[in-house]
PDB file of N, CA and C in Angstrom:
ATOM      1  N   MET A   1      10.825  58.185  59.411  1.00  0.00           N
ATOM      2  CA  MET A   1      11.820  57.932  58.395  1.00  0.00           C
ATOM      3  C   MET A   1      11.269  56.902  57.403  1.00  0.00           C
ATOM      4  N   ARG A   2      11.305  57.238  56.114  1.00  0.00           N
ATOM      5  CA  ARG A   2      10.824  56.336  55.067  1.00  0.00           C
ATOM      6  C   ARG A   2      11.951  55.453  54.576  1.00  0.00           C
ATOM      7  N   ASN A   3      11.585  54.247  54.186  1.00  0.00           N
ATOM      8  CA  ASN A   3      12.620  53.417  53.579  1.00  0.00           C
ATOM      9  C   ASN A   3      12.546  53.543  52.063  1.00  0.00           C
ATOM     10  N   HIS A   4      13.544  53.070  51.380  1.00  0.00           N
ATOM     11  CA  HIS A   4      13.636  53.231  49.926  1.00  0.00           C
ATOM     12  C   HIS A   4      12.569  52.465  49.173  1.00  0.00           C
ATOM     13  N   LYS A   5      12.112  51.357  49.708  1.00  0.00           N
ATOM     14  CA  LYS A   5      11.083  50.569  49.038  1.00  0.00           C
ATOM     15  C   LYS A   5       9.790  51.362  48.921  1.00  0.00           C
ATOM     16  N   GLU A   6       9.438  52.122  49.944  1.00  0.00           N
ATOM     17  CA  GLU A   6       8.219  52.927  49.896  1.00  0.00           C
ATOM     18  C   GLU A   6       8.312  53.973  48.798  1.00  0.00           C
ATOM     19  N   ASN A   7       9.460  54.593  48.650  1.00  0.00           N
ATOM     20  CA  ASN A   7       9.639  55.611  47.628  1.00  0.00           C
ATOM     21  C   ASN A   7       9.499  55.032  46.232  1.00  0.00           C
ATOM     22  N   ARG A   8      10.082  53.870  46.012  1.00  0.00           N
ATOM     23  CA  ARG A   8      10.009  53.256  44.695  1.00  0.00           C
ATOM     24  C   ARG A   8       8.592  52.829  44.360  1.00  0.00           C
ATOM     25  N   SER A   9       7.880  52.266  45.310  1.00  0.00           N
ATOM     26  CA  SER A   9       6.534  51.792  45.019  1.00  0.00           C
ATOM     27  C   SER A   9       5.585  52.947  44.770  1.00  0.00           C
ATOM     28  N   SER A  10       5.802  54.075  45.397  1.00  0.00           N
ATOM     29  CA  SER A  10       4.906  55.207  45.167  1.00  0.00           C
ATOM     30  C   SER A  10       5.103  55.797  43.775  1.00  0.00           C
ATOM     31  N   LYS A  11       6.313  55.708  43.232  1.00  0.00           N
ATOM     32  CA  LYS A  11       6.551  56.196  41.877  1.00  0.00           C
ATOM     33  C   LYS A  11       5.810  55.365  40.853  1.00  0.00           C
ATOM     34  N   GLY A  12       5.730  54.071  41.063  1.00  0.00           N
ATOM     35  CA  GLY A  12       5.076  53.182  40.123  1.00  0.00           C
ATOM     36  C   GLY A  12       3.564  53.313  40.109  1.00  0.00           C
ATOM     37  N   SER A  13       3.002  53.978  41.114  1.00  0.00           N
ATOM     38  CA  SER A  13       1.552  54.078  41.186  1.00  0.00           C
ATOM     39  C   SER A  13       1.005  55.336  40.530  1.00  0.00           C
ATOM     40  N   MET A  14       1.857  56.111  39.892  1.00  0.00           N
ATOM     41  CA  MET A  14       1.392  57.326  39.221  1.00  0.00           C
ATOM     42  C   MET A  14       0.552  56.950  38.008  1.00  0.00           C
ATOM     43  N   PRO A  15      -0.523  57.687  37.765  1.00  0.00           N
ATOM     44  CA  PRO A  15      -1.363  57.369  36.603  1.00  0.00           C
ATOM     45  C   PRO A  15      -0.617  57.635  35.305  1.00  0.00           C
ATOM     46  N   LYS A  16      -0.901  56.814  34.325  1.00  0.00           N
ATOM     47  CA  LYS A  16      -0.278  56.985  33.020  1.00  0.00           C
ATOM     48  C   LYS A  16      -0.909  58.168  32.302  1.00  0.00           C
ATOM     49  N   LYS A  17      -0.093  58.864  31.522  1.00  0.00           N
ATOM     50  CA  LYS A  17      -0.579  59.988  30.727  1.00  0.00           C
ATOM     51  C   LYS A  17      -1.389  59.450  29.560  1.00  0.00           C
ATOM     52  N   ARG A  18      -2.530  60.025  29.331  1.00  0.00           N
ATOM     53  CA  ARG A  18      -3.375  59.616  28.213  1.00  0.00           C
ATOM     54  C   ARG A  18      -2.916  60.321  26.951  1.00  0.00           C
ATOM     55  N   ASN A  19      -3.022  59.633  25.834  1.00  0.00           N
ATOM     56  CA  ASN A  19      -2.666  60.237  24.551  1.00  0.00           C
ATOM     57  C   ASN A  19      -3.726  61.238  24.139  1.00  0.00           C
ATOM     58  N   THR A  20      -3.282  62.387  23.725  1.00  0.00           N
ATOM     59  CA  THR A  20      -4.191  63.391  23.196  1.00  0.00           C
ATOM     60  C   THR A  20      -4.078  63.383  21.679  1.00  0.00           C
ATOM     61  N   SER A  21      -4.974  64.090  21.017  1.00  0.00           N
ATOM     62  CA  SER A  21      -4.912  64.127  19.557  1.00  0.00           C
ATOM     63  C   SER A  21      -3.609  64.758  19.077  1.00  0.00           C
ATOM     64  N   SER A  22      -3.067  65.706  19.832  1.00  0.00           N
ATOM     65  CA  SER A  22      -1.788  66.303  19.426  1.00  0.00           C
ATOM     66  C   SER A  22      -0.659  65.295  19.562  1.00  0.00           C
ATOM     67  N   ASP A  23      -0.721  64.400  20.578  1.00  0.00           N
ATOM     68  CA  ASP A  23       0.285  63.341  20.703  1.00  0.00           C
ATOM     69  C   ASP A  23       0.224  62.413  19.504  1.00  0.00           C
ATOM     70  N   VAL A  24      -0.966  62.072  19.061  1.00  0.00           N
ATOM     71  CA  VAL A  24      -1.136  61.196  17.907  1.00  0.00           C
ATOM     72  C   VAL A  24      -0.612  61.880  16.661  1.00  0.00           C
ATOM     73  N   GLN A  25      -0.870  63.175  16.501  1.00  0.00           N
ATOM     74  CA  GLN A  25      -0.376  63.902  15.339  1.00  0.00           C
ATOM     75  C   GLN A  25       1.153  63.927  15.324  1.00  0.00           C
ATOM     76  N   ILE A  26       1.752  64.146  16.485  1.00  0.00           N
ATOM     77  CA  ILE A  26       3.206  64.162  16.565  1.00  0.00           C
ATOM     78  C   ILE A  26       3.753  62.783  16.202  1.00  0.00           C
ATOM     79  N   THR A  27       3.122  61.747  16.724  1.00  0.00           N
ATOM     80  CA  THR A  27       3.554  60.396  16.421  1.00  0.00           C
ATOM     81  C   THR A  27       3.382  60.092  14.942  1.00  0.00           C
ATOM     82  N   ALA A  28       2.248  60.490  14.370  1.00  0.00           N
ATOM     83  CA  ALA A  28       2.004  60.277  12.947  1.00  0.00           C
ATOM     84  C   ALA A  28       3.042  61.023  12.116  1.00  0.00           C
ATOM     85  N   LYS A  29       3.358  62.233  12.492  1.00  0.00           N
ATOM     86  CA  LYS A  29       4.354  63.026  11.765  1.00  0.00           C
ATOM     87  C   LYS A  29       5.723  62.371  11.871  1.00  0.00           C
ATOM     88  N   ALA A  30       6.079  61.915  13.063  1.00  0.00           N
ATOM     89  CA  ALA A  30       7.374  61.257  13.250  1.00  0.00           C
ATOM     90  C   ALA A  30       7.452  59.967  12.438  1.00  0.00           C
ATOM     91  N   LEU A  31       6.375  59.184  12.438  1.00  0.00           N
ATOM     92  CA  LEU A  31       6.349  57.962  11.639  1.00  0.00           C
ATOM     93  C   LEU A  31       6.445  58.275  10.153  1.00  0.00           C
ATOM     94  N   HIS A  32       5.703  59.282   9.710  1.00  0.00           N
ATOM     95  CA  HIS A  32       5.738  59.668   8.297  1.00  0.00           C
ATOM     96  C   HIS A  32       7.149  60.087   7.898  1.00  0.00           C
ATOM     97  N   ASP A  33       7.789  60.874   8.743  1.00  0.00           N
ATOM     98  CA  ASP A  33       9.164  61.316   8.461  1.00  0.00           C
ATOM     99  C   ASP A  33      10.126  60.139   8.395  1.00  0.00           C
ATOM    100  N   LYS A  34       9.976  59.190   9.313  1.00  0.00           N
ATOM    101  CA  LYS A  34      10.836  58.000   9.326  1.00  0.00           C
ATOM    102  C   LYS A  34      10.615  57.172   8.067  1.00  0.00           C
ATOM    103  N   ILE A  35       9.355  57.031   7.658  1.00  0.00           N
ATOM    104  CA  ILE A  35       9.033  56.283   6.442  1.00  0.00           C
ATOM    105  C   ILE A  35       9.687  56.928   5.232  1.00  0.00           C
ATOM    106  N   GLU A  36       9.598  58.230   5.134  1.00  0.00           N
ATOM    107  CA  GLU A  36      10.203  58.934   3.996  1.00  0.00           C
ATOM    108  C   GLU A  36      11.717  58.804   4.007  1.00  0.00           C
ATOM    109  N   GLU A  37      12.316  58.882   5.194  1.00  0.00           N
ATOM    110  CA  GLU A  37      13.768  58.724   5.308  1.00  0.00           C
ATOM    111  C   GLU A  37      14.194  57.324   4.855  1.00  0.00           C
ATOM    112  N   LEU A  38      13.494  56.300   5.344  1.00  0.00           N
ATOM    113  CA  LEU A  38      13.832  54.930   4.960  1.00  0.00           C
ATOM    114  C   LEU A  38      13.562  54.669   3.486  1.00  0.00           C
ATOM    115  N   ARG A  39      12.514  55.266   2.957  1.00  0.00           N
ATOM    116  CA  ARG A  39      12.180  55.099   1.535  1.00  0.00           C
ATOM    117  C   ARG A  39      13.311  55.633   0.659  1.00  0.00           C
ATOM    118  N   MET A  40      13.830  56.795   1.029  1.00  0.00           N
ATOM    119  CA  MET A  40      14.937  57.371   0.257  1.00  0.00           C
ATOM    120  C   MET A  40      16.201  56.517   0.381  1.00  0.00           C
ATOM    121  N   GLN A  41      16.474  56.026   1.600  1.00  0.00           N
ATOM    122  CA  GLN A  41      17.629  55.151   1.800  1.00  0.00           C
ATOM    123  C   GLN A  41      17.487  53.876   0.987  1.00  0.00           C
ATOM    124  N   LEU A  42      16.282  53.322   0.975  1.00  0.00           N
ATOM    125  CA  LEU A  42      16.033  52.097   0.224  1.00  0.00           C
ATOM    126  C   LEU A  42      16.239  52.323  -1.271  1.00  0.00           C
ATOM    127  N   ASN A  43      15.741  53.419  -1.769  1.00  0.00           N
ATOM    128  CA  ASN A  43      15.903  53.746  -3.183  1.00  0.00           C
ATOM    129  C   ASN A  43      17.385  53.844  -3.553  1.00  0.00           C
ATOM    130  N   ASP A  44      18.159  54.530  -2.719  1.00  0.00           N
ATOM    131  CA  ASP A  44      19.597  54.651  -2.964  1.00  0.00           C
ATOM    132  C   ASP A  44      20.289  53.290  -2.909  1.00  0.00           C
ATOM    133  N   LEU A  45      19.907  52.480  -1.930  1.00  0.00           N
ATOM    134  CA  LEU A  45      20.523  51.172  -1.759  1.00  0.00           C
ATOM    135  C   LEU A  45      20.202  50.241  -2.923  1.00  0.00           C
ATOM    136  N   VAL A  46      18.968  50.298  -3.410  1.00  0.00           N
ATOM    137  CA  VAL A  46      18.588  49.482  -4.572  1.00  0.00           C
ATOM    138  C   VAL A  46      19.405  49.887  -5.786  1.00  0.00           C
ATOM    139  N   ASN A  47      19.596  51.182  -5.987  1.00  0.00           N
ATOM    140  CA  ASN A  47      20.384  51.660  -7.127  1.00  0.00           C
ATOM    141  C   ASN A  47      21.843  51.209  -7.036  1.00  0.00           C
ATOM    142  N   LYS A  48      22.374  51.109  -5.812  1.00  0.00           N
ATOM    143  CA  LYS A  48      23.767  50.714  -5.623  1.00  0.00           C
ATOM    144  C   LYS A  48      23.968  49.202  -5.652  1.00  0.00           C
ATOM    145  N   ARG A  49      23.029  48.453  -5.048  1.00  0.00           N
ATOM    146  CA  ARG A  49      23.266  47.024  -4.823  1.00  0.00           C
ATOM    147  C   ARG A  49      22.294  46.090  -5.535  1.00  0.00           C
ATOM    148  N   GLY A  50      21.194  46.608  -6.033  1.00  0.00           N
ATOM    149  CA  GLY A  50      20.215  45.760  -6.702  1.00  0.00           C
ATOM    150  C   GLY A  50      19.165  45.218  -5.739  1.00  0.00           C
ATOM    151  N   LEU A  51      18.121  44.660  -6.312  1.00  0.00           N
ATOM    152  CA  LEU A  51      16.976  44.201  -5.525  1.00  0.00           C
ATOM    153  C   LEU A  51      17.254  42.947  -4.702  1.00  0.00           C
ATOM    154  N   ASP A  52      18.198  42.134  -5.113  1.00  0.00           N
ATOM    155  CA  ASP A  52      18.444  40.851  -4.459  1.00  0.00           C
ATOM    156  C   ASP A  52      19.410  40.923  -3.278  1.00  0.00           C
ATOM    157  N   ASP A  53      19.990  42.076  -3.033  1.00  0.00           N
ATOM    158  CA  ASP A  53      20.957  42.216  -1.953  1.00  0.00           C
ATOM    159  C   ASP A  53      20.275  42.056  -0.592  1.00  0.00           C
ATOM    160  N   LYS A  54      20.948  41.356   0.322  1.00  0.00           N
ATOM    161  CA  LYS A  54      20.363  41.101   1.647  1.00  0.00           C
ATOM    162  C   LYS A  54      20.083  42.393   2.414  1.00  0.00           C
ATOM    163  N   SER A  55      20.943  43.382   2.277  1.00  0.00           N
ATOM    164  CA  SER A  55      20.731  44.646   2.992  1.00  0.00           C
ATOM    165  C   SER A  55      19.510  45.389   2.446  1.00  0.00           C
ATOM    166  N   VAL A  56      19.225  45.235   1.170  1.00  0.00           N
ATOM    167  CA  VAL A  56      18.033  45.840   0.563  1.00  0.00           C
ATOM    168  C   VAL A  56      16.775  45.181   1.121  1.00  0.00           C
ATOM    169  N   VAL A  57      16.801  43.862   1.189  1.00  0.00           N
ATOM    170  CA  VAL A  57      15.650  43.119   1.720  1.00  0.00           C
ATOM    171  C   VAL A  57      15.408  43.502   3.178  1.00  0.00           C
ATOM    172  N   LYS A  58      16.477  43.575   3.960  1.00  0.00           N
ATOM    173  CA  LYS A  58      16.359  43.917   5.380  1.00  0.00           C
ATOM    174  C   LYS A  58      15.773  45.317   5.562  1.00  0.00           C
ATOM    175  N   LEU A  59      16.270  46.279   4.803  1.00  0.00           N
ATOM    176  CA  LEU A  59      15.766  47.643   4.903  1.00  0.00           C
ATOM    177  C   LEU A  59      14.314  47.724   4.437  1.00  0.00           C
ATOM    178  N   SER A  60      13.978  46.984   3.419  1.00  0.00           N
ATOM    179  CA  SER A  60      12.598  46.938   2.934  1.00  0.00           C
ATOM    180  C   SER A  60      11.654  46.391   4.002  1.00  0.00           C
ATOM    181  N   GLN A  61      12.097  45.356   4.700  1.00  0.00           N
ATOM    182  CA  GLN A  61      11.283  44.788   5.772  1.00  0.00           C
ATOM    183  C   GLN A  61      11.119  45.766   6.931  1.00  0.00           C
ATOM    184  N   GLU A  62      12.168  46.495   7.242  1.00  0.00           N
ATOM    185  CA  GLU A  62      12.086  47.523   8.288  1.00  0.00           C
ATOM    186  C   GLU A  62      11.090  48.611   7.883  1.00  0.00           C
ATOM    187  N   LEU A  63      11.155  49.023   6.642  1.00  0.00           N
ATOM    188  CA  LEU A  63      10.227  50.025   6.129  1.00  0.00           C
ATOM    189  C   LEU A  63       8.783  49.520   6.219  1.00  0.00           C
ATOM    190  N   ASP A  64       8.576  48.258   5.890  1.00  0.00           N
ATOM    191  CA  ASP A  64       7.234  47.658   5.986  1.00  0.00           C
ATOM    192  C   ASP A  64       6.666  47.776   7.395  1.00  0.00           C
ATOM    193  N   VAL A  65       7.493  47.568   8.399  1.00  0.00           N
ATOM    194  CA  VAL A  65       7.046  47.651   9.794  1.00  0.00           C
ATOM    195  C   VAL A  65       6.546  49.059  10.104  1.00  0.00           C
ATOM    196  N   TYR A  66       7.304  50.054   9.686  1.00  0.00           N
ATOM    197  CA  TYR A  66       6.904  51.443   9.940  1.00  0.00           C
ATOM    198  C   TYR A  66       5.632  51.809   9.166  1.00  0.00           C
ATOM    199  N   ILE A  67       5.515  51.325   7.955  1.00  0.00           N
ATOM    200  CA  ILE A  67       4.312  51.598   7.160  1.00  0.00           C
ATOM    201  C   ILE A  67       3.085  50.993   7.838  1.00  0.00           C
ATOM    202  N   LEU A  68       3.207  49.769   8.322  1.00  0.00           N
ATOM    203  CA  LEU A  68       2.089  49.127   9.020  1.00  0.00           C
ATOM    204  C   LEU A  68       1.709  49.889  10.287  1.00  0.00           C
ATOM    205  N   GLN A  69       2.697  50.338  11.043  1.00  0.00           N
ATOM    206  CA  GLN A  69       2.425  51.132  12.237  1.00  0.00           C
ATOM    207  C   GLN A  69       1.686  52.418  11.881  1.00  0.00           C
ATOM    208  N   TYR A  70       2.132  53.062  10.817  1.00  0.00           N
ATOM    209  CA  TYR A  70       1.490  54.304  10.378  1.00  0.00           C
ATOM    210  C   TYR A  70       0.052  54.060   9.949  1.00  0.00           C
ATOM    211  N   GLN A  71      -0.173  53.000   9.186  1.00  0.00           N
ATOM    212  CA  GLN A  71      -1.524  52.682   8.734  1.00  0.00           C
ATOM    213  C   GLN A  71      -2.443  52.360   9.920  1.00  0.00           C
ATOM    214  N   GLN A  72      -1.938  51.626  10.899  1.00  0.00           N
ATOM    215  CA  GLN A  72      -2.730  51.310  12.080  1.00  0.00           C
ATOM    216  C   GLN A  72      -3.051  52.571  12.870  1.00  0.00           C
ATOM    217  N   LEU A  73      -2.085  53.447  13.001  1.00  0.00           N
ATOM    218  CA  LEU A  73      -2.289  54.695  13.716  1.00  0.00           C
ATOM    219  C   LEU A  73      -3.329  55.568  13.040  1.00  0.00           C
ATOM    220  N   MET A  74      -3.297  55.570  11.716  1.00  0.00           N
ATOM    221  CA  MET A  74      -4.214  56.417  10.957  1.00  0.00           C
ATOM    222  C   MET A  74      -5.576  55.731  10.718  1.00  0.00           C
ATOM    223  N   GLY A  75      -5.710  54.504  11.183  1.00  0.00           N
ATOM    224  CA  GLY A  75      -6.978  53.812  11.080  1.00  0.00           C
ATOM    225  C   GLY A  75      -7.283  53.260   9.714  1.00  0.00           C
ATOM    226  N   LYS A  76      -6.278  52.877   8.981  1.00  0.00           N
ATOM    227  CA  LYS A  76      -6.474  52.342   7.623  1.00  0.00           C
ATOM    228  C   LYS A  76      -6.384  50.865   7.637  1.00  0.00           C
TER     229      LYS A  76
END
C-alpha cells in the first residue's frame, strides 16, 4: 500500500517538456497578437482620454512589457 506522499513526490520528478521551434512560434504569434490588441486599445484610449491620463500611461507600460518579451523571444 502506497501513501499519498509517495504519489505526490513521484509527480514532481517528471522531466520538463523542452520547447520546440513550433512552441516558440506559437508563443511569438500569441505575443504578437496580444501586442496588436493592446496597441489598438491604447490608440482608442488616447483618442478618448488624451496622453496624460493615468489609464493611458498604465496601458502603455503594459504594452511595453509585451513588446520587450517579444523582442527577447525573437532575439532582437
